[in-house]
């Protein structure tokens, strides 16, 4: 029987265990440049089978929160190299999560006269924290055909920068209501051109990004994160049971290292697992709680190849060892998470001590 403490081969990246550190925004960059504190934070958690970083914007306009890092300048690449070196020195493996926030953000967070962009000019409900206050989201500028091609190229360039910075690979953030998800969802993609309308049209951007990044750095270095039916950031997906199987079918020939699913329901997870040849990393549905020791059984029963832990990894940097020993566990301070998100995949928690 396979257990969560057995090795896993992610298309050539060999993981010593199947306990994955989920991506969680920390807002510890200086501007958009990684800091020594970030190197220490990730190195402390190097015993994870795989670390997936906080969301990293692939371009200046992709930033949606204050003090989040980028991978679009030489300075950022050099600063990230200190992070990856620290993780590798402790025997860890680390993928960079590329996260373009699209319409989620505010002009005050962006340089010059940049403005948030999206699949369609549909404003998100709610507000965004700008570093000093909460401000209403703005109506995004709809990406034109040329803009879409340029954005796809930005993802590919950021992936090349990630490899140059020493990352073992990249994860594309197609979840939680950010840009890729905005193209997928029918309430945020109102387009009538080839990039919208039908399921095939709405999945086209995600497929284009996956293919471009795989071409840039190799499919074996690429994962995709999705969150079917997740309403976070004002998303509504009435057709997710049709949409996500179509997406997985479209990208499966690329041969990605893994598919990372934020679970909405178990049957959808199993349906997607049956369609994908890539390894499945699962952030299981845990209503009212956080991913915990009992979820390791999902590896043993074959539901997933690896389990992503969020909040529990913040409170327990040596989490794999604690899970193997059956505890004890430090309890995450849920009150510190922005928006009350309990699952550990919050994309803007308040600064929680690592």
Protein backbone atom coordinates (compact mmCIF):
# COMPACT_ATOMS: atom_id res chain seq x y z
CA UNK A 1 0.00 0.00 0.00
CA UNK A 2 1.30 3.44 -0.95
CA UNK A 3 1.53 5.92 1.93
CA UNK A 4 2.07 9.66 2.14
CA UNK A 5 5.63 9.00 3.29
CA UNK A 6 6.65 7.07 0.17
CA UNK A 7 8.60 8.81 -2.61
CA UNK A 8 6.81 10.22 -5.65
CA UNK A 9 8.24 10.89 -9.09
CA UNK A 10 6.77 14.06 -10.61
CA UNK A 11 7.87 13.54 -14.20
CA UNK A 12 11.51 13.46 -13.14
CA UNK A 13 11.38 15.56 -9.96
CA UNK A 14 11.70 12.95 -7.23
CA UNK A 15 9.86 13.82 -4.03
CA UNK A 16 10.93 12.06 -0.81
CA UNK A 17 7.37 12.15 0.50
CA UNK A 18 3.89 13.17 -0.60
CA UNK A 19 3.31 15.96 1.90
CA UNK A 20 3.14 19.15 -0.19
CA UNK A 21 3.27 22.70 1.11
CA UNK A 22 0.39 24.59 -0.46
CA UNK A 23 0.91 28.07 -1.93
CA UNK A 24 0.02 30.84 0.53
CA UNK A 25 0.59 34.53 -0.04
CA UNK A 26 2.73 36.05 2.70
CA UNK A 27 3.34 39.65 1.51
CA UNK A 28 6.91 39.67 2.77
CA UNK A 29 8.57 41.04 -0.34
CA UNK A 30 10.16 44.46 -0.43
CA UNK A 31 8.03 45.99 -3.13
CA UNK A 32 8.08 43.08 -5.55
CA UNK A 33 11.52 41.71 -4.66
CA UNK A 34 12.00 38.61 -2.45
CA UNK A 35 13.74 39.13 0.89
CA UNK A 36 16.09 37.12 3.15
CA UNK A 37 13.13 36.45 5.47
CA UNK A 38 11.47 34.58 2.62
CA UNK A 39 14.57 32.42 2.11
CA UNK A 40 14.49 31.50 5.80
CA UNK A 41 10.74 30.82 5.74
CA UNK A 42 10.92 28.39 2.83
CA UNK A 43 14.15 26.74 4.00
CA UNK A 44 12.48 25.99 7.34
CA UNK A 45 9.91 23.92 5.42
CA UNK A 46 12.33 22.12 3.09
CA UNK A 47 11.33 18.70 4.46
CA UNK A 48 8.10 18.97 2.45
CA UNK A 49 7.96 16.58 -0.46
CA UNK A 50 7.40 19.72 -2.53
CA UNK A 51 7.11 23.39 -1.65
CA UNK A 52 4.82 25.45 -3.86
CA UNK A 53 5.54 29.12 -3.29
CA UNK A 54 3.20 32.00 -2.68
CA UNK A 55 1.72 33.51 -5.81
CA UNK A 56 4.33 35.30 -7.95
CA UNK A 57 3.19 37.79 -10.55
CA UNK A 58 4.50 37.09 -14.06
CA UNK A 59 4.27 40.76 -15.05
CA UNK A 60 3.82 44.13 -13.33
CA UNK A 61 0.11 44.30 -14.18
CA UNK A 62 -0.40 40.85 -12.65
CA UNK A 63 0.03 42.13 -9.08
CA UNK A 64 -3.10 42.16 -6.94
CA UNK A 65 -1.82 42.59 -3.38
CA UNK A 66 0.87 44.68 -1.67
CA UNK A 67 4.40 43.38 -1.18
CA UNK A 68 3.97 40.28 -3.31
CA UNK A 69 6.96 39.13 -5.35
CA UNK A 70 7.45 39.03 -9.10
CA UNK A 71 9.50 37.05 -11.60
CA UNK A 72 9.74 39.59 -14.39
CA UNK A 73 13.04 41.39 -13.70
CA UNK A 74 16.70 40.45 -13.33
CA UNK A 75 16.69 41.78 -9.77
CA UNK A 76 13.81 39.52 -8.81
CA UNK A 77 15.48 36.49 -10.41
CA UNK A 78 18.65 37.12 -8.43
CA UNK A 79 16.71 37.52 -5.18
CA UNK A 80 14.75 34.33 -5.80
CA UNK A 81 18.02 32.48 -6.34
CA UNK A 82 18.84 33.06 -2.69
CA UNK A 83 15.52 31.42 -1.78
CA UNK A 84 15.96 28.36 -3.99
CA UNK A 85 19.58 27.95 -2.88
CA UNK A 86 18.46 27.95 0.77
CA UNK A 87 15.79 25.33 0.10
CA UNK A 88 18.10 23.12 -1.95
CA UNK A 89 20.83 23.36 0.69
CA UNK A 90 18.41 21.60 3.06
CA UNK A 91 17.47 18.96 0.50
CA UNK A 92 14.16 20.47 -0.57
CA UNK A 93 12.34 20.89 -3.86
CA UNK A 94 10.46 24.07 -4.74
CA UNK A 95 8.11 25.14 -7.54
CA UNK A 96 7.24 28.80 -8.20
CA UNK A 97 3.53 29.51 -8.43
CA UNK A 98 2.84 31.98 -11.24
CA UNK A 99 -0.25 34.00 -10.31
CA UNK A 100 -1.65 36.79 -12.46
CA UNK A 101 -4.49 38.25 -10.41
CA UNK A 102 -6.30 39.83 -13.36
CA UNK A 103 -9.28 41.88 -12.17
CA UNK A 104 -8.47 41.26 -8.50
CA UNK A 105 -6.42 44.26 -7.43
CA UNK A 106 -6.38 48.02 -7.66
CA UNK A 107 -4.56 50.67 -9.74
CA UNK A 108 -2.89 52.00 -6.58
CA UNK A 109 -0.93 48.74 -6.36
CA UNK A 110 0.41 49.00 -9.91
CA UNK A 111 3.27 51.06 -11.32
CA UNK A 112 2.71 53.99 -13.67
CA UNK A 113 -0.71 54.13 -15.29
CA UNK A 114 -1.34 50.39 -15.32
CA UNK A 115 -4.86 49.21 -14.59
CA UNK A 116 -6.15 45.73 -13.64
CA UNK A 117 -7.12 43.62 -16.63
CA UNK A 118 -9.51 40.74 -17.15
CA UNK A 119 -11.26 38.45 -19.60
CA UNK A 120 -14.18 40.91 -19.70
CA UNK A 121 -14.92 44.29 -18.11
CA UNK A 122 -16.75 42.77 -15.13
CA UNK A 123 -15.96 44.26 -11.72
CA UNK A 124 -15.52 41.84 -8.84
CA UNK A 125 -17.69 42.32 -5.79
CA UNK A 126 -15.89 43.17 -2.59
CA UNK A 127 -12.70 44.99 -1.73
CA UNK A 128 -8.95 44.54 -1.89
CA UNK A 129 -6.36 45.43 0.76
CA UNK A 130 -3.89 47.94 -0.65
CA UNK A 131 -1.45 48.08 2.24
CA UNK A 132 -3.15 50.87 4.14
CA UNK A 133 -6.87 50.44 3.49
CA UNK A 134 -9.56 48.35 1.86
CA UNK A 135 -10.74 49.68 -1.49
CA UNK A 136 -13.44 48.51 -3.86
CA UNK A 137 -12.34 46.47 -6.83
CA UNK A 138 -12.38 48.37 -10.10
CA UNK A 139 -13.75 47.40 -13.48
CA UNK A 140 -10.89 45.71 -15.33
CA UNK A 141 -9.76 46.55 -18.83
CA UNK A 142 -10.74 43.75 -21.19
CA UNK A 143 -7.73 42.09 -22.76
CA UNK A 144 -7.72 42.35 -26.54
CA UNK A 145 -6.46 39.56 -28.77
CA UNK A 146 -2.96 41.04 -28.94
CA UNK A 147 -2.98 41.62 -25.18
CA UNK A 148 -3.89 37.98 -24.61
CA UNK A 149 -0.98 36.81 -26.72
CA UNK A 150 1.34 39.15 -24.81
CA UNK A 151 0.03 37.87 -21.48
CA UNK A 152 0.61 34.26 -22.52
CA UNK A 153 4.15 35.27 -23.46
CA UNK A 154 4.57 36.90 -20.02
CA UNK A 155 3.77 33.57 -18.34
CA UNK A 156 6.33 31.80 -20.50
CA UNK A 157 8.99 34.44 -19.79
CA UNK A 158 8.31 34.24 -16.05
CA UNK A 159 8.66 30.44 -16.21
CA UNK A 160 12.05 30.80 -17.89
CA UNK A 161 13.01 33.27 -15.18
CA UNK A 162 11.92 30.76 -12.54
CA UNK A 163 14.23 28.10 -13.95
CA UNK A 164 17.05 30.67 -14.16
CA UNK A 165 16.41 31.46 -10.49
CA UNK A 166 16.87 27.80 -9.57
CA UNK A 167 13.28 26.67 -9.15
CA UNK A 168 12.61 23.01 -9.87
CA UNK A 169 9.48 23.97 -11.78
CA UNK A 170 6.42 26.22 -11.87
CA UNK A 171 2.78 25.92 -10.96
CA UNK A 172 0.25 27.90 -12.99
CA UNK A 173 -2.46 29.35 -10.75
CA UNK A 174 -5.71 28.65 -12.54
CA UNK A 175 -7.82 28.80 -9.38
CA UNK A 176 -9.36 31.11 -6.77
CA UNK A 177 -10.79 33.65 -9.18
CA UNK A 178 -7.54 34.96 -10.69
CA UNK A 179 -6.86 35.61 -14.37
CA UNK A 180 -6.85 32.06 -15.74
CA UNK A 181 -9.94 31.30 -13.66
CA UNK A 182 -11.56 34.50 -14.90
CA UNK A 183 -11.32 33.18 -18.45
CA UNK A 184 -12.81 29.83 -17.39
CA UNK A 185 -15.82 31.13 -15.46
CA UNK A 186 -18.97 32.17 -17.36
CA UNK A 187 -19.74 35.07 -15.02
CA UNK A 188 -16.34 36.71 -15.61
CA UNK A 189 -15.87 35.77 -19.27
CA UNK A 190 -18.59 37.37 -21.38
CA UNK A 191 -16.58 37.34 -24.59
CA UNK A 192 -18.05 36.38 -27.95
CA UNK A 193 -14.71 35.84 -29.72
CA UNK A 194 -12.57 32.68 -29.76
CA UNK A 195 -11.55 33.26 -26.12
CA UNK A 196 -15.07 33.02 -24.68
CA UNK A 197 -18.60 31.74 -25.07
CA UNK A 198 -18.45 27.96 -25.31
CA UNK A 199 -16.55 25.67 -22.97
CA UNK A 200 -13.90 25.30 -25.67
CA UNK A 201 -13.61 29.08 -25.92
CA UNK A 202 -13.39 29.66 -22.18
CA UNK A 203 -10.72 26.98 -21.71
CA UNK A 204 -8.63 28.31 -24.62
CA UNK A 205 -6.62 30.79 -22.52
CA UNK A 206 -5.73 28.21 -19.87
CA UNK A 207 -4.66 25.76 -22.56
CA UNK A 208 -2.61 28.43 -24.33
CA UNK A 209 -0.78 29.33 -21.11
CA UNK A 210 -0.12 25.68 -20.28
CA UNK A 211 1.25 24.98 -23.76
CA UNK A 212 3.41 28.11 -23.87
CA UNK A 213 4.95 27.47 -20.46
CA UNK A 214 5.52 23.79 -21.24
CA UNK A 215 7.26 24.81 -24.47
CA UNK A 216 9.38 27.31 -22.55
CA UNK A 217 10.65 25.11 -19.71
CA UNK A 218 9.46 21.58 -20.42
CA UNK A 219 6.15 20.02 -19.44
CA UNK A 220 7.93 17.97 -16.77
CA UNK A 221 8.54 21.21 -14.88
CA UNK A 222 4.93 22.46 -14.99
CA UNK A 223 1.86 21.94 -12.81
CA UNK A 224 -1.60 23.51 -13.00
CA UNK A 225 -3.79 24.42 -10.05
CA UNK A 226 -7.57 24.50 -10.48
CA UNK A 227 -10.54 24.97 -8.13
CA UNK A 228 -13.76 23.74 -9.75
CA UNK A 229 -16.88 25.51 -8.49
CA UNK A 230 -14.87 27.67 -6.08
CA UNK A 231 -16.76 30.94 -5.54
CA UNK A 232 -13.75 32.81 -4.10
CA UNK A 233 -13.22 36.29 -5.61
CA UNK A 234 -16.80 36.44 -6.92
CA UNK A 235 -16.67 33.45 -9.28
CA UNK A 236 -19.74 31.48 -10.38
CA UNK A 237 -19.36 28.24 -12.37
CA UNK A 238 -22.70 26.59 -13.09
CA UNK A 239 -21.14 24.27 -15.67
CA UNK A 240 -18.02 23.11 -13.81
CA UNK A 241 -18.87 19.44 -14.34
CA UNK A 242 -18.56 20.03 -18.08
CA UNK A 243 -15.87 22.70 -18.00
CA UNK A 244 -13.11 21.02 -16.02
CA UNK A 245 -13.22 17.61 -17.68
CA UNK A 246 -12.92 19.46 -21.01
CA UNK A 247 -9.95 21.44 -19.68
CA UNK A 248 -8.19 18.33 -18.38
CA UNK A 249 -8.80 16.53 -21.66
CA UNK A 250 -7.30 19.46 -23.56
CA UNK A 251 -4.12 19.72 -21.50
CA UNK A 252 -3.52 16.02 -20.82
CA UNK A 253 -1.56 15.47 -24.07
CA UNK A 254 0.96 18.09 -22.88
CA UNK A 255 2.07 15.73 -20.11
CA UNK A 256 2.31 18.07 -17.13
CA UNK A 257 4.11 17.08 -13.95
CA UNK A 258 0.92 17.36 -11.93
CA UNK A 259 -2.61 18.65 -11.60
CA UNK A 260 -3.31 20.42 -8.29
CA UNK A 261 -6.99 20.40 -7.33
CA UNK A 262 -8.67 22.49 -4.66
CA UNK A 263 -11.56 20.19 -4.03
CA UNK A 264 -15.22 21.16 -4.29
CA UNK A 265 -16.63 17.65 -4.12
CA UNK A 266 -15.12 14.18 -4.13
CA UNK A 267 -16.86 12.90 -7.22
CA UNK A 268 -15.50 15.78 -9.32
CA UNK A 269 -12.03 15.03 -8.00
CA UNK A 270 -12.30 11.37 -8.94
CA UNK A 271 -13.65 12.23 -12.39
CA UNK A 272 -10.68 14.51 -13.09
CA UNK A 273 -8.20 12.00 -11.70
CA UNK A 274 -9.53 9.39 -14.09
CA UNK A 275 -9.00 11.71 -17.04
CA UNK A 276 -5.46 12.89 -16.26
CA UNK A 277 -2.18 11.01 -16.68
CA UNK A 278 -0.42 13.60 -14.51
CA UNK A 279 0.09 13.11 -10.79
CA UNK A 280 -2.75 14.53 -8.68
CA UNK A 281 -1.96 16.84 -5.76
CA UNK A 282 -5.12 17.35 -3.73
CA UNK A 283 -6.08 20.16 -1.37
CA UNK A 284 -9.05 18.23 0.05
CA UNK A 285 -12.35 19.77 1.04
CA UNK A 286 -12.32 20.21 4.81
CA UNK A 287 -15.46 22.18 5.80
CA UNK A 288 -14.88 24.08 9.03
CA UNK A 289 -11.30 22.90 9.41
CA UNK A 290 -7.86 22.63 7.88
CA UNK A 291 -6.16 19.81 6.01
CA UNK A 292 -4.91 17.45 8.71
CA UNK A 293 -3.46 14.01 9.47
CA UNK A 294 -6.63 12.11 8.55
CA UNK A 295 -6.35 13.40 4.97
CA UNK A 296 -3.20 11.35 4.44
CA UNK A 297 -5.53 8.39 3.95
CA UNK A 298 -6.45 9.89 0.57
CA UNK A 299 -3.03 8.79 -0.68
CA UNK A 300 -3.43 5.30 0.74
CA UNK A 301 -6.83 4.79 -0.89
CA UNK A 302 -5.67 6.14 -4.25
CA UNK A 303 -7.76 9.30 -4.35
CA UNK A 304 -4.63 11.42 -4.76
CA UNK A 305 -0.88 11.04 -5.24
CA UNK A 306 -0.02 13.77 -2.74
CA UNK A 307 -1.80 16.02 -0.25
CA UNK A 308 -1.31 19.81 -0.01
CA UNK A 309 -1.23 21.27 3.49
CA UNK A 310 -1.63 25.00 4.04
CA UNK A 311 -2.32 26.45 7.48
CA UNK A 312 -0.84 23.45 9.28
CA UNK A 313 2.46 24.05 7.46
CA UNK A 314 2.55 27.62 8.73
CA UNK A 315 2.28 26.48 12.33
CA UNK A 316 4.52 23.40 11.91
CA UNK A 317 7.56 23.98 9.67
CA UNK A 318 8.63 20.34 10.24
CA UNK A 319 5.18 19.05 9.35
CA UNK A 320 6.19 15.80 7.55
CA UNK A 321 8.06 14.59 10.63
CA UNK A 322 5.14 15.49 12.90
CA UNK A 323 2.68 13.74 10.62
CA UNK A 324 4.86 10.62 10.55
CA UNK A 325 5.09 10.64 14.35
CA UNK A 326 1.38 11.32 14.85
CA UNK A 327 2.03 14.77 16.36
CA UNK A 328 2.13 16.86 18.39
CA UNK A 329 0.92 19.73 16.23
CA UNK A 330 0.94 23.46 16.80
CA UNK A 331 -2.52 24.81 16.04
CA UNK A 332 -2.78 27.47 13.31
CA UNK A 333 -4.06 30.82 14.53
CA UNK A 334 -7.11 31.10 12.31
CA UNK A 335 -7.89 34.61 13.49
CA UNK A 336 -4.84 35.88 11.64
CA UNK A 337 -6.11 34.86 8.22
CA UNK A 338 -7.48 37.66 6.09
CA UNK A 339 -11.10 37.00 5.23
CA UNK A 340 -11.40 34.11 7.68
CA UNK A 341 -10.19 31.51 5.18
CA UNK A 342 -9.64 28.30 7.11
CA UNK A 343 -8.33 25.95 4.45
CA UNK A 344 -4.82 27.30 4.12
CA UNK A 345 -5.11 28.35 0.48
CA UNK A 346 -5.93 31.97 1.24
CA UNK A 347 -4.24 34.23 -1.26
CA UNK A 348 -3.94 37.15 1.11
CA UNK A 349 -3.65 36.10 4.72
CA UNK A 350 -2.42 38.66 7.20
CA UNK A 351 1.19 38.26 8.19
CA UNK A 352 1.29 35.08 10.22
CA UNK A 353 4.55 34.19 11.94
CA UNK A 354 6.16 31.38 9.98
